[in-house]
Amino acid sequence: MWRVDRPFIFLNMMKTPEHSRFDAAHELGHLLLHKHGEPKGRKAEDEANQFASSFLMPTSDVLATIPRIHTINQIIQTKKRWAVSAMALIHRLHRLGVMSTWQYRMFCIQATELGYRNAEPFGIAREQSVVWQKVLTALWRERVTKKEIAVALHVPIPEIENLLFGLANMLSQDGPDGKTQGRLRLV
């Protein structure tokens, strides 16, 4: 969403890191392509998905890396290059014409049977925001509370807790000097 000419993207952290990366690129697509609200519905979603696929898996790189596909193992090995989900790579390869519709269906069925819609083989580590760590460290030094943050942002305290999703605990163990300092005072 845009708020006072500033873009914001909120992600569901219950998904795999690969799915979260695709979601972030998808939402970036919405911010860039649909700032003024057009198009809407399925067309807007398709455009954002196409943007995310192209952004994360550039056409020339995909075609140079995997010009033909024969097995699901090729997909699993190659997906690591772009840090995407197996299903995202399957969709991209089909859209680029690397695989036929029959192969596409076969690989989708195989990926589903292998559980790749919910968990990723060779999964990547979740990316973390350097900015949030710096902000939270500064707030920790100033002894700012969650309540003060919530009031300043006009956001309920439970939403602040959801947005921080464990970053406060990471900072609570080590203070700014690297020594254990006790709890982060975001209470």
N, C-alpha and C. Protein backbone atom coordinates (compact mmCIF):
# COMPACT_ATOMS: atom_id res chain seq x y z
N MET A 1 0.83 -1.18 0.00
CA MET A 1 0.00 0.00 0.00
C MET A 1 0.88 1.24 0.00
N TRP A 2 0.30 2.31 -0.44
CA TRP A 2 0.96 3.61 -0.38
C TRP A 2 0.30 4.40 0.73
N ARG A 3 1.12 5.07 1.55
CA ARG A 3 0.59 5.93 2.60
C ARG A 3 1.44 7.20 2.60
N VAL A 4 0.83 8.31 2.33
CA VAL A 4 1.50 9.60 2.26
C VAL A 4 2.74 9.48 1.36
N ASP A 5 2.54 8.98 0.16
CA ASP A 5 3.60 8.82 -0.84
C ASP A 5 4.76 7.94 -0.39
N ARG A 6 4.53 7.07 0.57
CA ARG A 6 5.54 6.09 0.98
C ARG A 6 4.98 4.69 0.76
N PRO A 7 5.77 3.83 0.13
CA PRO A 7 5.29 2.46 -0.09
C PRO A 7 5.51 1.58 1.14
N PHE A 8 4.56 0.70 1.39
CA PHE A 8 4.66 -0.27 2.48
C PHE A 8 4.27 -1.64 1.94
N ILE A 9 5.03 -2.65 2.34
CA ILE A 9 4.72 -4.03 2.00
C ILE A 9 4.73 -4.84 3.29
N PHE A 10 3.66 -5.57 3.53
CA PHE A 10 3.55 -6.43 4.70
C PHE A 10 3.45 -7.87 4.21
N LEU A 11 4.28 -8.74 4.79
CA LEU A 11 4.35 -10.12 4.33
C LEU A 11 3.86 -11.10 5.37
N ASN A 12 3.29 -12.20 4.91
CA ASN A 12 2.89 -13.30 5.77
C ASN A 12 4.14 -14.11 6.08
N MET A 13 4.56 -14.13 7.32
CA MET A 13 5.79 -14.81 7.71
C MET A 13 5.58 -16.30 7.99
N MET A 14 4.38 -16.79 7.75
CA MET A 14 4.11 -18.21 7.96
C MET A 14 4.44 -19.04 6.72
N LYS A 15 4.84 -18.40 5.65
CA LYS A 15 5.18 -19.09 4.42
C LYS A 15 6.67 -19.41 4.40
N THR A 16 7.07 -20.25 3.44
CA THR A 16 8.49 -20.57 3.31
C THR A 16 9.24 -19.30 2.89
N PRO A 17 10.53 -19.22 3.17
CA PRO A 17 11.30 -18.05 2.73
C PRO A 17 11.21 -17.83 1.21
N GLU A 18 11.18 -18.91 0.43
CA GLU A 18 11.06 -18.77 -1.02
C GLU A 18 9.73 -18.12 -1.39
N HIS A 19 8.65 -18.56 -0.75
CA HIS A 19 7.35 -17.96 -1.02
C HIS A 19 7.30 -16.49 -0.56
N SER A 20 7.95 -16.20 0.55
CA SER A 20 7.99 -14.82 1.03
C SER A 20 8.74 -13.91 0.06
N ARG A 21 9.83 -14.40 -0.52
CA ARG A 21 10.58 -13.61 -1.53
C ARG A 21 9.69 -13.33 -2.73
N PHE A 22 8.96 -14.36 -3.18
CA PHE A 22 8.07 -14.16 -4.33
C PHE A 22 6.96 -13.17 -3.97
N ASP A 23 6.38 -13.32 -2.77
CA ASP A 23 5.34 -12.39 -2.32
C ASP A 23 5.86 -10.95 -2.29
N ALA A 24 7.09 -10.77 -1.79
CA ALA A 24 7.67 -9.42 -1.74
C ALA A 24 7.82 -8.84 -3.15
N ALA A 25 8.31 -9.65 -4.09
CA ALA A 25 8.45 -9.19 -5.47
C ALA A 25 7.08 -8.93 -6.09
N HIS A 26 6.10 -9.77 -5.78
CA HIS A 26 4.73 -9.59 -6.26
C HIS A 26 4.15 -8.25 -5.78
N GLU A 27 4.32 -7.99 -4.49
CA GLU A 27 3.81 -6.73 -3.92
C GLU A 27 4.57 -5.53 -4.46
N LEU A 28 5.87 -5.67 -4.70
CA LEU A 28 6.63 -4.61 -5.35
C LEU A 28 6.04 -4.32 -6.73
N GLY A 29 5.66 -5.37 -7.44
CA GLY A 29 5.01 -5.21 -8.73
C GLY A 29 3.74 -4.39 -8.62
N HIS A 30 2.92 -4.69 -7.61
CA HIS A 30 1.70 -3.88 -7.40
C HIS A 30 2.06 -2.42 -7.15
N LEU A 31 3.07 -2.18 -6.29
CA LEU A 31 3.44 -0.80 -5.98
C LEU A 31 3.89 -0.05 -7.23
N LEU A 32 4.65 -0.71 -8.07
CA LEU A 32 5.17 -0.05 -9.27
C LEU A 32 4.15 0.05 -10.40
N LEU A 33 3.37 -1.01 -10.59
CA LEU A 33 2.46 -1.07 -11.73
C LEU A 33 1.08 -0.51 -11.46
N HIS A 34 0.65 -0.55 -10.20
CA HIS A 34 -0.75 -0.23 -9.91
C HIS A 34 -0.91 0.87 -8.86
N LYS A 35 0.04 1.78 -8.81
CA LYS A 35 -0.01 2.85 -7.81
C LYS A 35 -1.31 3.63 -7.89
N HIS A 36 -1.81 3.80 -9.09
CA HIS A 36 -3.01 4.61 -9.28
C HIS A 36 -4.28 3.77 -9.34
N GLY A 37 -4.15 2.49 -8.99
CA GLY A 37 -5.34 1.66 -8.82
C GLY A 37 -5.83 0.89 -10.02
N GLU A 38 -5.21 0.98 -11.16
CA GLU A 38 -5.67 0.26 -12.35
C GLU A 38 -4.58 -0.68 -12.83
N PRO A 39 -4.85 -1.82 -13.33
CA PRO A 39 -6.14 -2.50 -13.33
C PRO A 39 -6.44 -3.10 -11.96
N LYS A 40 -7.56 -3.77 -11.85
CA LYS A 40 -7.95 -4.40 -10.59
C LYS A 40 -8.23 -5.88 -10.83
N GLY A 41 -8.41 -6.59 -9.74
CA GLY A 41 -8.82 -7.99 -9.82
C GLY A 41 -7.77 -8.92 -10.39
N ARG A 42 -8.25 -9.92 -11.14
CA ARG A 42 -7.39 -10.97 -11.67
C ARG A 42 -6.29 -10.42 -12.57
N LYS A 43 -6.61 -9.41 -13.38
CA LYS A 43 -5.61 -8.84 -14.29
C LYS A 43 -4.45 -8.23 -13.50
N ALA A 44 -4.75 -7.51 -12.43
CA ALA A 44 -3.71 -6.90 -11.60
C ALA A 44 -2.85 -7.98 -10.94
N GLU A 45 -3.48 -9.05 -10.47
CA GLU A 45 -2.74 -10.15 -9.84
C GLU A 45 -1.83 -10.84 -10.85
N ASP A 46 -2.34 -11.07 -12.05
CA ASP A 46 -1.52 -11.69 -13.10
C ASP A 46 -0.32 -10.82 -13.45
N GLU A 47 -0.53 -9.51 -13.55
CA GLU A 47 0.57 -8.60 -13.86
C GLU A 47 1.62 -8.60 -12.75
N ALA A 48 1.16 -8.61 -11.49
CA ALA A 48 2.10 -8.62 -10.36
C ALA A 48 2.88 -9.94 -10.32
N ASN A 49 2.21 -11.05 -10.62
CA ASN A 49 2.89 -12.35 -10.67
C ASN A 49 3.92 -12.38 -11.80
N GLN A 50 3.56 -11.83 -12.95
CA GLN A 50 4.49 -11.79 -14.07
C GLN A 50 5.70 -10.92 -13.73
N PHE A 51 5.47 -9.79 -13.07
CA PHE A 51 6.56 -8.93 -12.63
C PHE A 51 7.49 -9.70 -11.69
N ALA A 52 6.91 -10.36 -10.68
CA ALA A 52 7.70 -11.09 -9.69
C ALA A 52 8.53 -12.18 -10.35
N SER A 53 7.92 -12.93 -11.26
CA SER A 53 8.64 -14.00 -11.97
C SER A 53 9.80 -13.43 -12.78
N SER A 54 9.54 -12.36 -13.50
CA SER A 54 10.59 -11.75 -14.34
C SER A 54 11.69 -11.13 -13.49
N PHE A 55 11.31 -10.53 -12.38
CA PHE A 55 12.27 -9.89 -11.48
C PHE A 55 13.19 -10.92 -10.83
N LEU A 56 12.61 -12.02 -10.34
CA LEU A 56 13.40 -13.03 -9.62
C LEU A 56 14.09 -14.02 -10.55
N MET A 57 13.49 -14.26 -11.71
CA MET A 57 14.03 -15.25 -12.65
C MET A 57 14.08 -14.62 -14.05
N PRO A 58 15.09 -13.79 -14.31
CA PRO A 58 15.16 -13.08 -15.60
C PRO A 58 15.18 -14.05 -16.79
N THR A 59 14.44 -13.70 -17.82
CA THR A 59 14.29 -14.55 -19.00
C THR A 59 15.61 -15.05 -19.55
N SER A 60 16.54 -14.16 -19.82
CA SER A 60 17.80 -14.57 -20.45
C SER A 60 18.58 -15.53 -19.56
N ASP A 61 18.57 -15.31 -18.27
CA ASP A 61 19.29 -16.18 -17.35
C ASP A 61 18.63 -17.55 -17.26
N VAL A 62 17.31 -17.57 -17.19
CA VAL A 62 16.59 -18.85 -17.12
C VAL A 62 16.84 -19.66 -18.38
N LEU A 63 16.69 -19.03 -19.54
CA LEU A 63 16.87 -19.75 -20.80
C LEU A 63 18.31 -20.22 -20.99
N ALA A 64 19.27 -19.45 -20.54
CA ALA A 64 20.67 -19.86 -20.65
C ALA A 64 21.02 -20.99 -19.67
N THR A 65 20.37 -20.98 -18.53
CA THR A 65 20.67 -21.96 -17.49
C THR A 65 19.95 -23.28 -17.70
N ILE A 66 18.70 -23.23 -18.13
CA ILE A 66 17.90 -24.45 -18.26
C ILE A 66 17.06 -24.39 -19.55
N PRO A 67 17.72 -24.57 -20.68
CA PRO A 67 17.01 -24.47 -21.97
C PRO A 67 16.05 -25.63 -22.24
N ARG A 68 16.29 -26.78 -21.59
CA ARG A 68 15.41 -27.94 -21.72
C ARG A 68 15.20 -28.54 -20.33
N ILE A 69 14.06 -29.16 -20.16
CA ILE A 69 13.75 -29.75 -18.86
C ILE A 69 13.26 -31.18 -19.08
N HIS A 70 13.81 -32.10 -18.27
CA HIS A 70 13.43 -33.51 -18.42
C HIS A 70 12.93 -34.11 -17.11
N THR A 71 13.44 -33.63 -15.97
CA THR A 71 13.07 -34.25 -14.70
C THR A 71 12.79 -33.19 -13.65
N ILE A 72 12.04 -33.59 -12.64
CA ILE A 72 11.77 -32.71 -11.50
C ILE A 72 13.07 -32.39 -10.77
N ASN A 73 14.04 -33.31 -10.81
CA ASN A 73 15.33 -33.07 -10.14
C ASN A 73 16.08 -31.89 -10.77
N GLN A 74 15.92 -31.69 -12.08
CA GLN A 74 16.53 -30.52 -12.72
C GLN A 74 15.95 -29.24 -12.11
N ILE A 75 14.66 -29.26 -11.89
CA ILE A 75 13.99 -28.09 -11.32
C ILE A 75 14.48 -27.86 -9.89
N ILE A 76 14.55 -28.91 -9.11
CA ILE A 76 14.97 -28.81 -7.72
C ILE A 76 16.40 -28.30 -7.62
N GLN A 77 17.29 -28.80 -8.46
CA GLN A 77 18.67 -28.34 -8.43
C GLN A 77 18.81 -26.89 -8.91
N THR A 78 18.04 -26.54 -9.93
CA THR A 78 18.19 -25.23 -10.55
C THR A 78 17.50 -24.12 -9.76
N LYS A 79 16.47 -24.44 -9.02
CA LYS A 79 15.74 -23.41 -8.26
C LYS A 79 16.64 -22.69 -7.25
N LYS A 80 17.69 -23.38 -6.82
CA LYS A 80 18.63 -22.77 -5.87
C LYS A 80 19.30 -21.52 -6.45
N ARG A 81 19.50 -21.50 -7.77
CA ARG A 81 20.16 -20.37 -8.42
C ARG A 81 19.43 -19.05 -8.15
N TRP A 82 18.09 -19.11 -8.18
CA TRP A 82 17.30 -17.89 -8.04
C TRP A 82 16.62 -17.80 -6.67
N ALA A 83 16.83 -18.78 -5.81
CA ALA A 83 16.23 -18.81 -4.47
C ALA A 83 14.71 -18.65 -4.53
N VAL A 84 14.10 -19.46 -5.41
CA VAL A 84 12.65 -19.44 -5.58
C VAL A 84 12.10 -20.82 -5.26
N SER A 85 10.79 -20.91 -5.17
CA SER A 85 10.16 -22.20 -4.91
C SER A 85 10.16 -23.04 -6.19
N ALA A 86 10.04 -24.35 -5.99
CA ALA A 86 9.97 -25.26 -7.13
C ALA A 86 8.78 -24.91 -8.01
N MET A 87 7.64 -24.61 -7.39
CA MET A 87 6.44 -24.29 -8.17
C MET A 87 6.61 -22.99 -8.95
N ALA A 88 7.27 -22.00 -8.37
CA ALA A 88 7.49 -20.75 -9.10
C ALA A 88 8.36 -20.99 -10.33
N LEU A 89 9.37 -21.83 -10.20
CA LEU A 89 10.23 -22.13 -11.34
C LEU A 89 9.48 -22.94 -12.39
N ILE A 90 8.65 -23.87 -11.96
CA ILE A 90 7.83 -24.64 -12.91
C ILE A 90 6.94 -23.70 -13.71
N HIS A 91 6.26 -22.79 -13.04
CA HIS A 91 5.38 -21.82 -13.73
C HIS A 91 6.19 -20.96 -14.71
N ARG A 92 7.36 -20.50 -14.26
CA ARG A 92 8.20 -19.64 -15.11
C ARG A 92 8.67 -20.39 -16.36
N LEU A 93 9.13 -21.63 -16.19
CA LEU A 93 9.60 -22.42 -17.32
C LEU A 93 8.47 -22.67 -18.32
N HIS A 94 7.27 -22.90 -17.82
CA HIS A 94 6.13 -23.11 -18.72
C HIS A 94 5.81 -21.82 -19.46
N ARG A 95 5.79 -20.72 -18.75
CA ARG A 95 5.47 -19.42 -19.37
C ARG A 95 6.50 -19.05 -20.44
N LEU A 96 7.76 -19.43 -20.22
CA LEU A 96 8.81 -19.12 -21.19
C LEU A 96 8.87 -20.13 -22.34
N GLY A 97 8.03 -21.16 -22.30
CA GLY A 97 7.99 -22.13 -23.38
C GLY A 97 9.05 -23.20 -23.30
N VAL A 98 9.72 -23.31 -22.16
CA VAL A 98 10.75 -24.34 -21.99
C VAL A 98 10.10 -25.72 -21.84
N MET A 99 8.89 -25.75 -21.32
CA MET A 99 8.19 -27.02 -21.18
C MET A 99 6.80 -26.92 -21.81
N SER A 100 6.31 -28.05 -22.23
CA SER A 100 4.97 -28.12 -22.83
C SER A 100 3.91 -28.08 -21.73
N THR A 101 2.67 -27.92 -22.13
CA THR A 101 1.57 -27.93 -21.17
C THR A 101 1.49 -29.29 -20.49
N TRP A 102 1.75 -30.36 -21.24
CA TRP A 102 1.73 -31.70 -20.66
C TRP A 102 2.81 -31.82 -19.58
N GLN A 103 4.05 -31.36 -19.88
CA GLN A 103 5.13 -31.40 -18.90
C GLN A 103 4.78 -30.55 -17.69
N TYR A 104 4.23 -29.38 -17.94
CA TYR A 104 3.83 -28.48 -16.86
C TYR A 104 2.90 -29.19 -15.88
N ARG A 105 1.87 -29.82 -16.41
CA ARG A 105 0.92 -30.55 -15.55
C ARG A 105 1.62 -31.68 -14.80
N MET A 106 2.47 -32.42 -15.49
CA MET A 106 3.19 -33.54 -14.88
C MET A 106 4.08 -33.05 -13.73
N PHE A 107 4.83 -31.95 -13.97
CA PHE A 107 5.71 -31.43 -12.93
C PHE A 107 4.92 -30.84 -11.76
N CYS A 108 3.79 -30.21 -12.04
CA CYS A 108 2.94 -29.70 -10.95
C CYS A 108 2.44 -30.84 -10.07
N ILE A 109 2.00 -31.93 -10.70
CA ILE A 109 1.53 -33.11 -9.96
C ILE A 109 2.68 -33.70 -9.14
N GLN A 110 3.84 -33.87 -9.75
CA GLN A 110 4.99 -34.43 -9.03
C GLN A 110 5.39 -33.55 -7.85
N ALA A 111 5.45 -32.25 -8.08
CA ALA A 111 5.83 -31.32 -7.00
C ALA A 111 4.83 -31.38 -5.85
N THR A 112 3.55 -31.48 -6.19
CA THR A 112 2.52 -31.57 -5.15
C THR A 112 2.65 -32.89 -4.38
N GLU A 113 2.84 -33.99 -5.09
CA GLU A 113 3.00 -35.29 -4.44
C GLU A 113 4.22 -35.33 -3.53
N LEU A 114 5.27 -34.62 -3.90
CA LEU A 114 6.49 -34.58 -3.09
C LEU A 114 6.41 -33.56 -1.94
N GLY A 115 5.28 -32.85 -1.86
CA GLY A 115 5.06 -31.90 -0.76
C GLY A 115 5.69 -30.53 -0.97
N TYR A 116 6.05 -30.20 -2.20
CA TYR A 116 6.75 -28.95 -2.47
C TYR A 116 5.85 -27.72 -2.48
N ARG A 117 4.57 -27.88 -2.29
CA ARG A 117 3.70 -26.70 -2.17
C ARG A 117 3.75 -26.13 -0.74
N ASN A 118 4.16 -26.96 0.21
CA ASN A 118 4.19 -26.54 1.61
C ASN A 118 5.60 -26.43 2.19
N ALA A 119 6.53 -27.16 1.64
CA ALA A 119 7.92 -27.14 2.11
C ALA A 119 8.83 -27.25 0.90
N GLU A 120 9.98 -26.63 1.00
CA GLU A 120 10.90 -26.59 -0.12
C GLU A 120 12.11 -27.48 0.10
N PRO A 121 12.47 -28.27 -0.92
CA PRO A 121 13.74 -28.97 -0.84
C PRO A 121 14.86 -27.95 -1.00
N PHE A 122 15.94 -28.13 -0.28
CA PHE A 122 17.06 -27.19 -0.31
C PHE A 122 16.56 -25.77 0.02
N GLY A 123 15.75 -25.68 1.06
CA GLY A 123 15.18 -24.39 1.45
C GLY A 123 16.25 -23.38 1.82
N ILE A 124 15.93 -22.12 1.62
CA ILE A 124 16.85 -21.03 1.92
C ILE A 124 16.55 -20.47 3.31
N ALA A 125 17.49 -19.76 3.87
CA ALA A 125 17.27 -19.08 5.15
C ALA A 125 16.40 -17.85 4.91
N ARG A 126 15.60 -17.53 5.89
CA ARG A 126 14.74 -16.36 5.79
C ARG A 126 15.60 -15.10 5.79
N GLU A 127 15.32 -14.20 4.87
CA GLU A 127 16.04 -12.93 4.82
C GLU A 127 15.58 -12.06 5.98
N GLN A 128 16.49 -11.28 6.52
CA GLN A 128 16.16 -10.41 7.64
C GLN A 128 16.51 -8.98 7.30
N SER A 129 15.71 -8.09 7.82
CA SER A 129 15.90 -6.68 7.55
C SER A 129 17.03 -6.10 8.41
N VAL A 130 18.01 -5.53 7.76
CA VAL A 130 19.08 -4.83 8.47
C VAL A 130 18.52 -3.53 9.07
N VAL A 131 17.59 -2.93 8.37
CA VAL A 131 17.00 -1.66 8.84
C VAL A 131 16.29 -1.88 10.17
N TRP A 132 15.44 -2.95 10.25
CA TRP A 132 14.73 -3.20 11.51
C TRP A 132 15.71 -3.40 12.66
N GLN A 133 16.79 -4.13 12.42
CA GLN A 133 17.77 -4.36 13.48
C GLN A 133 18.36 -3.04 13.96
N LYS A 134 18.66 -2.14 13.03
CA LYS A 134 19.22 -0.84 13.40
C LYS A 134 18.19 0.00 14.16
N VAL A 135 16.96 -0.01 13.69
CA VAL A 135 15.90 0.76 14.36
C VAL A 135 15.68 0.22 15.77
N LEU A 136 15.58 -1.09 15.90
CA LEU A 136 15.34 -1.67 17.22
C LEU A 136 16.52 -1.44 18.16
N THR A 137 17.73 -1.48 17.66
CA THR A 137 18.91 -1.20 18.49
C THR A 137 18.86 0.24 19.00
N ALA A 138 18.50 1.17 18.12
CA ALA A 138 18.40 2.58 18.53
C ALA A 138 17.30 2.75 19.57
N LEU A 139 16.16 2.10 19.36
CA LEU A 139 15.07 2.20 20.33
C LEU A 139 15.47 1.55 21.66
N TRP A 140 16.21 0.45 21.59
CA TRP A 140 16.68 -0.23 22.80
C TRP A 140 17.56 0.72 23.62
N ARG A 141 18.45 1.40 22.93
CA ARG A 141 19.35 2.34 23.62
C ARG A 141 18.58 3.48 24.29
N GLU A 142 17.49 3.88 23.66
CA GLU A 142 16.69 4.99 24.19
C GLU A 142 15.61 4.54 25.17
N ARG A 143 15.54 3.24 25.42
CA ARG A 143 14.57 2.66 26.36
C ARG A 143 13.12 2.94 25.94
N VAL A 144 12.86 2.89 24.64
CA VAL A 144 11.51 3.12 24.12
C VAL A 144 10.70 1.84 24.30
N THR A 145 9.43 2.00 24.69
CA THR A 145 8.56 0.84 24.92
C THR A 145 7.69 0.57 23.71
N LYS A 146 7.12 -0.66 23.67
CA LYS A 146 6.18 -1.01 22.60
C LYS A 146 4.98 -0.08 22.62
N LYS A 147 4.54 0.28 23.81
CA LYS A 147 3.38 1.17 23.92
C LYS A 147 3.69 2.52 23.26
N GLU A 148 4.87 3.06 23.51
CA GLU A 148 5.25 4.34 22.90
C GLU A 148 5.32 4.23 21.38
N ILE A 149 5.84 3.11 20.89
CA ILE A 149 5.90 2.90 19.44
C ILE A 149 4.49 2.82 18.87
N ALA A 150 3.63 2.05 19.53
CA ALA A 150 2.25 1.88 19.06
C ALA A 150 1.52 3.23 19.01
N VAL A 151 1.68 4.04 20.04
CA VAL A 151 1.02 5.36 20.07
C VAL A 151 1.55 6.24 18.94
N ALA A 152 2.86 6.26 18.75
CA ALA A 152 3.47 7.10 17.71
C ALA A 152 3.03 6.69 16.31
N LEU A 153 2.85 5.39 16.09
CA LEU A 153 2.47 4.88 14.77
C LEU A 153 0.96 4.73 14.58
N HIS A 154 0.20 4.95 15.67
CA HIS A 154 -1.26 4.77 15.63
C HIS A 154 -1.61 3.34 15.23
N VAL A 155 -0.90 2.38 15.85
CA VAL A 155 -1.08 0.95 15.58
C VAL A 155 -1.26 0.24 16.92
N PRO A 156 -2.18 -0.73 17.01
CA PRO A 156 -2.35 -1.46 18.28
C PRO A 156 -1.07 -2.23 18.66
N ILE A 157 -0.85 -2.38 19.96
CA ILE A 157 0.34 -3.08 20.46
C ILE A 157 0.46 -4.50 19.88
N PRO A 158 -0.63 -5.29 19.81
CA PRO A 158 -0.48 -6.63 19.21
C PRO A 158 0.03 -6.58 17.77
N GLU A 159 -0.33 -5.55 17.03
CA GLU A 159 0.16 -5.43 15.65
C GLU A 159 1.65 -5.12 15.64
N ILE A 160 2.13 -4.30 16.59
CA ILE A 160 3.57 -4.04 16.71
C ILE A 160 4.29 -5.35 16.98
N GLU A 161 3.75 -6.17 17.88
CA GLU A 161 4.36 -7.46 18.19
C GLU A 161 4.41 -8.35 16.96
N ASN A 162 3.33 -8.36 16.17
CA ASN A 162 3.31 -9.17 14.94
C ASN A 162 4.33 -8.66 13.93
N LEU A 163 4.48 -7.36 13.81
CA LEU A 163 5.40 -6.79 12.84
C LEU A 163 6.85 -7.09 13.20
N LEU A 164 7.14 -7.17 14.48
CA LEU A 164 8.52 -7.41 14.91
C LEU A 164 8.92 -8.89 14.82
N PHE A 165 7.94 -9.80 14.77
CA PHE A 165 8.13 -11.25 14.60
C PHE A 165 9.48 -11.80 15.04
N GLY A 166 9.85 -11.54 16.28
CA GLY A 166 11.06 -12.15 16.82
C GLY A 166 12.32 -11.31 16.73
N LEU A 167 12.28 -10.18 16.06
CA LEU A 167 13.48 -9.34 15.99
C LEU A 167 13.85 -8.79 17.37
N ALA A 168 12.86 -8.48 18.17
CA ALA A 168 13.14 -7.96 19.51
C ALA A 168 13.88 -9.00 20.34
N ASN A 169 13.49 -10.28 20.23
CA ASN A 169 14.17 -11.32 20.98
C ASN A 169 15.62 -11.47 20.54
N MET A 170 15.88 -11.29 19.25
CA MET A 170 17.24 -11.39 18.75
C MET A 170 18.11 -10.30 19.39
N LEU A 171 17.55 -9.11 19.52
CA LEU A 171 18.30 -8.02 20.12
C LEU A 171 18.36 -8.12 21.64
N SER A 172 17.41 -8.85 22.23
CA SER A 172 17.38 -8.90 23.69
C SER A 172 18.57 -9.68 24.25
N GLN A 173 19.14 -10.57 23.47
CA GLN A 173 20.23 -11.39 23.97
C GLN A 173 21.55 -10.64 24.01
N ASP A 174 21.80 -9.82 23.03
CA ASP A 174 23.05 -9.08 22.97
C ASP A 174 22.78 -7.59 22.87
N GLY A 175 23.45 -6.84 23.68
CA GLY A 175 23.31 -5.39 23.63
C GLY A 175 24.12 -4.81 22.50
N PRO A 176 24.12 -3.50 22.34
CA PRO A 176 24.83 -2.87 21.25
C PRO A 176 26.34 -3.09 21.32
N ASP A 177 26.86 -3.43 22.50
CA ASP A 177 28.30 -3.67 22.62
C ASP A 177 28.65 -5.15 22.43
N GLY A 178 27.61 -5.99 22.10
CA GLY A 178 27.85 -7.41 21.87
C GLY A 178 27.76 -8.26 23.12
N LYS A 179 27.62 -7.65 24.29
CA LYS A 179 27.51 -8.39 25.54
C LYS A 179 26.04 -8.63 25.87
N THR A 180 25.78 -9.72 26.56
CA THR A 180 24.42 -10.00 26.97
C THR A 180 23.93 -8.92 27.92
N GLN A 181 22.79 -8.34 27.59
CA GLN A 181 22.29 -7.19 28.35
C GLN A 181 20.94 -7.46 29.01
N GLY A 182 20.38 -8.65 28.88
CA GLY A 182 19.05 -8.87 29.42
C GLY A 182 18.01 -8.63 28.34
N ARG A 183 16.83 -8.27 28.74
CA ARG A 183 15.71 -8.14 27.82
C ARG A 183 15.68 -6.77 27.15
N LEU A 184 15.23 -6.78 25.88
CA LEU A 184 14.97 -5.54 25.18
C LEU A 184 13.76 -4.89 25.81
N ARG A 185 13.84 -3.65 26.13
CA ARG A 185 12.77 -2.98 26.86
C ARG A 185 11.69 -2.48 25.90
N LEU A 186 11.10 -3.40 25.16
CA LEU A 186 9.96 -3.07 24.31
C LEU A 186 8.72 -3.70 24.94
N VAL A 187 8.38 -3.24 26.15
CA VAL A 187 7.24 -3.80 26.90
C VAL A 187 6.08 -2.84 26.94
